[in-house]
Amino acid sequence: MTTTLAIDGMRSVHCVRAVFTALAAVEGIAHADVQLGRAVIEHDGRATCPALGAAIAIAGYSVRECREQRRTLPTL
């Protein structure tokens, strides 16, 4: 599963590191690509939007938008 977050308040590389570190505390994350203003997170489904938002809020930032994309099997 992939979740994309739009994050407000990030202005520097320090912010990117802070968000990346905060996301490390959320169970189920396999990979997180954090950039200024957004994060793309691959996880096993346990990392819900509220859980990700709470972790980012602890770091001092806010999630403006959260989009979840579940992988689906192709249909024949």
N, C-alpha and C. Protein backbone atom coordinates (compact mmCIF):
# COMPACT_ATOMS: atom_id res chain seq x y z
N MET A 1 0.85 -1.17 0.00
CA MET A 1 0.00 0.00 0.00
C MET A 1 0.89 1.24 0.00
N THR A 2 0.47 2.26 -0.70
CA THR A 2 1.22 3.52 -0.76
C THR A 2 0.32 4.66 -0.29
N THR A 3 0.87 5.50 0.58
CA THR A 3 0.16 6.68 1.06
C THR A 3 0.99 7.91 0.72
N THR A 4 0.35 8.91 0.15
CA THR A 4 1.01 10.18 -0.18
C THR A 4 0.44 11.26 0.72
N LEU A 5 1.33 11.99 1.38
CA LEU A 5 0.92 13.06 2.30
C LEU A 5 1.40 14.41 1.78
N ALA A 6 0.53 15.41 1.85
CA ALA A 6 0.92 16.80 1.62
C ALA A 6 1.12 17.40 3.01
N ILE A 7 2.31 17.92 3.28
CA ILE A 7 2.67 18.36 4.63
C ILE A 7 2.95 19.86 4.63
N ASP A 8 2.31 20.57 5.55
CA ASP A 8 2.52 22.01 5.70
C ASP A 8 3.59 22.31 6.73
N GLY A 9 4.35 23.37 6.49
CA GLY A 9 5.32 23.87 7.45
C GLY A 9 6.75 23.44 7.21
N MET A 10 6.99 22.60 6.22
CA MET A 10 8.35 22.14 5.94
C MET A 10 9.07 23.18 5.08
N ARG A 11 10.25 23.63 5.54
CA ARG A 11 10.96 24.68 4.81
C ARG A 11 12.44 24.40 4.57
N SER A 12 12.96 23.32 5.16
CA SER A 12 14.40 23.07 5.02
C SER A 12 14.70 21.58 5.09
N VAL A 13 15.97 21.26 4.90
CA VAL A 13 16.41 19.87 5.01
C VAL A 13 16.21 19.36 6.43
N HIS A 14 16.35 20.23 7.41
CA HIS A 14 16.10 19.84 8.80
C HIS A 14 14.66 19.34 8.95
N CYS A 15 13.72 20.01 8.31
CA CYS A 15 12.32 19.61 8.37
C CYS A 15 12.13 18.22 7.75
N VAL A 16 12.79 17.98 6.65
CA VAL A 16 12.71 16.67 5.99
C VAL A 16 13.21 15.58 6.94
N ARG A 17 14.34 15.82 7.58
CA ARG A 17 14.88 14.84 8.53
C ARG A 17 13.95 14.63 9.72
N ALA A 18 13.35 15.70 10.22
CA ALA A 18 12.45 15.60 11.37
C ALA A 18 11.22 14.75 11.02
N VAL A 19 10.65 14.96 9.84
CA VAL A 19 9.48 14.18 9.42
C VAL A 19 9.88 12.72 9.19
N PHE A 20 11.00 12.50 8.55
CA PHE A 20 11.48 11.13 8.31
C PHE A 20 11.66 10.39 9.63
N THR A 21 12.27 11.05 10.60
CA THR A 21 12.50 10.44 11.91
C THR A 21 11.18 10.17 12.61
N ALA A 22 10.23 11.09 12.52
CA ALA A 22 8.92 10.90 13.15
C ALA A 22 8.19 9.70 12.54
N LEU A 23 8.31 9.51 11.24
CA LEU A 23 7.64 8.41 10.57
C LEU A 23 8.24 7.06 10.97
N ALA A 24 9.49 7.04 11.39
CA ALA A 24 10.14 5.80 11.79
C ALA A 24 9.44 5.15 12.98
N ALA A 25 8.69 5.92 13.75
CA ALA A 25 7.99 5.39 14.93
C ALA A 25 6.67 4.71 14.57
N VAL A 26 6.22 4.84 13.32
CA VAL A 26 4.94 4.26 12.91
C VAL A 26 5.18 2.83 12.42
N GLU A 27 4.43 1.88 13.00
CA GLU A 27 4.59 0.47 12.63
C GLU A 27 4.10 0.20 11.22
N GLY A 28 4.80 -0.68 10.53
CA GLY A 28 4.36 -1.15 9.22
C GLY A 28 4.97 -0.44 8.03
N ILE A 29 5.77 0.60 8.28
CA ILE A 29 6.36 1.34 7.16
C ILE A 29 7.57 0.57 6.61
N ALA A 30 7.56 0.33 5.30
CA ALA A 30 8.67 -0.34 4.64
C ALA A 30 9.65 0.66 4.04
N HIS A 31 9.12 1.80 3.55
CA HIS A 31 9.96 2.80 2.90
C HIS A 31 9.23 4.14 2.95
N ALA A 32 10.00 5.20 3.20
CA ALA A 32 9.42 6.55 3.20
C ALA A 32 10.33 7.47 2.40
N ASP A 33 9.75 8.14 1.41
CA ASP A 33 10.47 9.12 0.61
C ASP A 33 9.92 10.49 1.02
N VAL A 34 10.70 11.24 1.80
CA VAL A 34 10.26 12.53 2.33
C VAL A 34 10.97 13.64 1.59
N GLN A 35 10.21 14.59 1.09
CA GLN A 35 10.72 15.77 0.42
C GLN A 35 10.03 16.98 1.02
N LEU A 36 10.50 18.17 0.67
CA LEU A 36 9.85 19.38 1.19
C LEU A 36 8.38 19.38 0.79
N GLY A 37 7.50 19.39 1.78
CA GLY A 37 6.07 19.50 1.53
C GLY A 37 5.33 18.22 1.24
N ARG A 38 6.03 17.08 1.17
CA ARG A 38 5.31 15.84 0.88
C ARG A 38 6.10 14.62 1.32
N ALA A 39 5.39 13.54 1.49
CA ALA A 39 6.02 12.26 1.80
C ALA A 39 5.23 11.16 1.08
N VAL A 40 5.96 10.21 0.51
CA VAL A 40 5.35 9.04 -0.12
C VAL A 40 5.82 7.85 0.70
N ILE A 41 4.86 7.11 1.25
CA ILE A 41 5.18 6.06 2.20
C ILE A 41 4.63 4.74 1.70
N GLU A 42 5.49 3.73 1.66
CA GLU A 42 5.07 2.37 1.33
C GLU A 42 4.96 1.61 2.65
N HIS A 43 3.82 0.95 2.84
CA HIS A 43 3.61 0.25 4.10
C HIS A 43 2.69 -0.95 3.90
N ASP A 44 2.53 -1.72 4.99
CA ASP A 44 1.74 -2.95 4.93
C ASP A 44 0.27 -2.75 5.25
N GLY A 45 -0.18 -1.52 5.43
CA GLY A 45 -1.57 -1.24 5.72
C GLY A 45 -1.84 -0.83 7.15
N ARG A 46 -0.88 -1.07 8.04
CA ARG A 46 -1.06 -0.68 9.44
C ARG A 46 -0.83 0.82 9.64
N ALA A 47 -0.11 1.46 8.75
CA ALA A 47 0.18 2.90 8.87
C ALA A 47 -0.97 3.69 8.25
N THR A 48 -1.96 3.98 9.06
CA THR A 48 -3.15 4.69 8.59
C THR A 48 -2.88 6.20 8.51
N CYS A 49 -3.75 6.90 7.82
CA CYS A 49 -3.61 8.36 7.73
C CYS A 49 -3.60 9.02 9.11
N PRO A 50 -4.51 8.63 10.02
CA PRO A 50 -4.45 9.25 11.35
C PRO A 50 -3.14 8.96 12.10
N ALA A 51 -2.61 7.76 11.96
CA ALA A 51 -1.35 7.42 12.64
C ALA A 51 -0.19 8.21 12.05
N LEU A 52 -0.16 8.34 10.74
CA LEU A 52 0.91 9.10 10.09
C LEU A 52 0.79 10.57 10.44
N GLY A 53 -0.44 11.10 10.44
CA GLY A 53 -0.66 12.50 10.80
C GLY A 53 -0.26 12.80 12.23
N ALA A 54 -0.54 11.87 13.14
CA ALA A 54 -0.17 12.06 14.55
C ALA A 54 1.34 12.09 14.71
N ALA A 55 2.05 11.21 14.02
CA ALA A 55 3.51 11.18 14.11
C ALA A 55 4.11 12.48 13.57
N ILE A 56 3.57 12.97 12.47
CA ILE A 56 4.07 14.20 11.88
C ILE A 56 3.74 15.41 12.76
N ALA A 57 2.59 15.38 13.41
CA ALA A 57 2.21 16.46 14.33
C ALA A 57 3.17 16.54 15.51
N ILE A 58 3.62 15.40 15.99
CA ILE A 58 4.59 15.38 17.09
C ILE A 58 5.88 16.07 16.66
N ALA A 59 6.23 15.95 15.38
CA ALA A 59 7.44 16.60 14.86
C ALA A 59 7.22 18.10 14.63
N GLY A 60 5.96 18.57 14.72
CA GLY A 60 5.69 19.99 14.60
C GLY A 60 5.13 20.44 13.26
N TYR A 61 4.65 19.49 12.46
CA TYR A 61 4.12 19.82 11.14
C TYR A 61 2.69 19.31 11.03
N SER A 62 1.98 19.72 10.00
CA SER A 62 0.60 19.26 9.85
C SER A 62 0.38 18.67 8.46
N VAL A 63 -0.47 17.66 8.40
CA VAL A 63 -0.81 17.01 7.14
C VAL A 63 -2.03 17.70 6.56
N ARG A 64 -1.87 18.23 5.36
CA ARG A 64 -2.96 18.92 4.67
C ARG A 64 -3.83 17.93 3.91
N GLU A 65 -3.21 16.92 3.34
CA GLU A 65 -3.94 15.94 2.53
C GLU A 65 -3.27 14.58 2.67
N CYS A 66 -4.09 13.55 2.72
CA CYS A 66 -3.60 12.18 2.80
C CYS A 66 -4.34 11.34 1.76
N ARG A 67 -3.59 10.75 0.83
CA ARG A 67 -4.19 9.91 -0.20
C ARG A 67 -3.62 8.51 -0.10
N GLU A 68 -4.50 7.53 0.10
CA GLU A 68 -4.07 6.14 0.17
C GLU A 68 -4.33 5.47 -1.16
N GLN A 69 -3.38 4.66 -1.58
CA GLN A 69 -3.54 3.92 -2.83
C GLN A 69 -3.20 2.48 -2.55
N ARG A 70 -4.23 1.66 -2.60
CA ARG A 70 -4.03 0.23 -2.40
C ARG A 70 -3.64 -0.40 -3.74
N ARG A 71 -2.73 -1.31 -3.66
CA ARG A 71 -2.36 -2.03 -4.88
C ARG A 71 -3.45 -3.01 -5.20
N THR A 72 -3.82 -3.10 -6.46
CA THR A 72 -4.87 -4.03 -6.88
C THR A 72 -4.31 -4.96 -7.92
N LEU A 73 -4.90 -6.13 -7.96
CA LEU A 73 -4.50 -7.10 -8.97
C LEU A 73 -5.13 -6.71 -10.31
N PRO A 74 -4.40 -6.90 -11.39
CA PRO A 74 -4.97 -6.56 -12.70
C PRO A 74 -6.13 -7.51 -13.03
N THR A 75 -7.13 -6.98 -13.69
CA THR A 75 -8.25 -7.81 -14.11
C THR A 75 -8.03 -8.30 -15.53
N LEU A 76 -8.51 -9.46 -15.80
CA LEU A 76 -8.34 -10.03 -17.14
C LEU A 76 -9.52 -9.75 -18.01
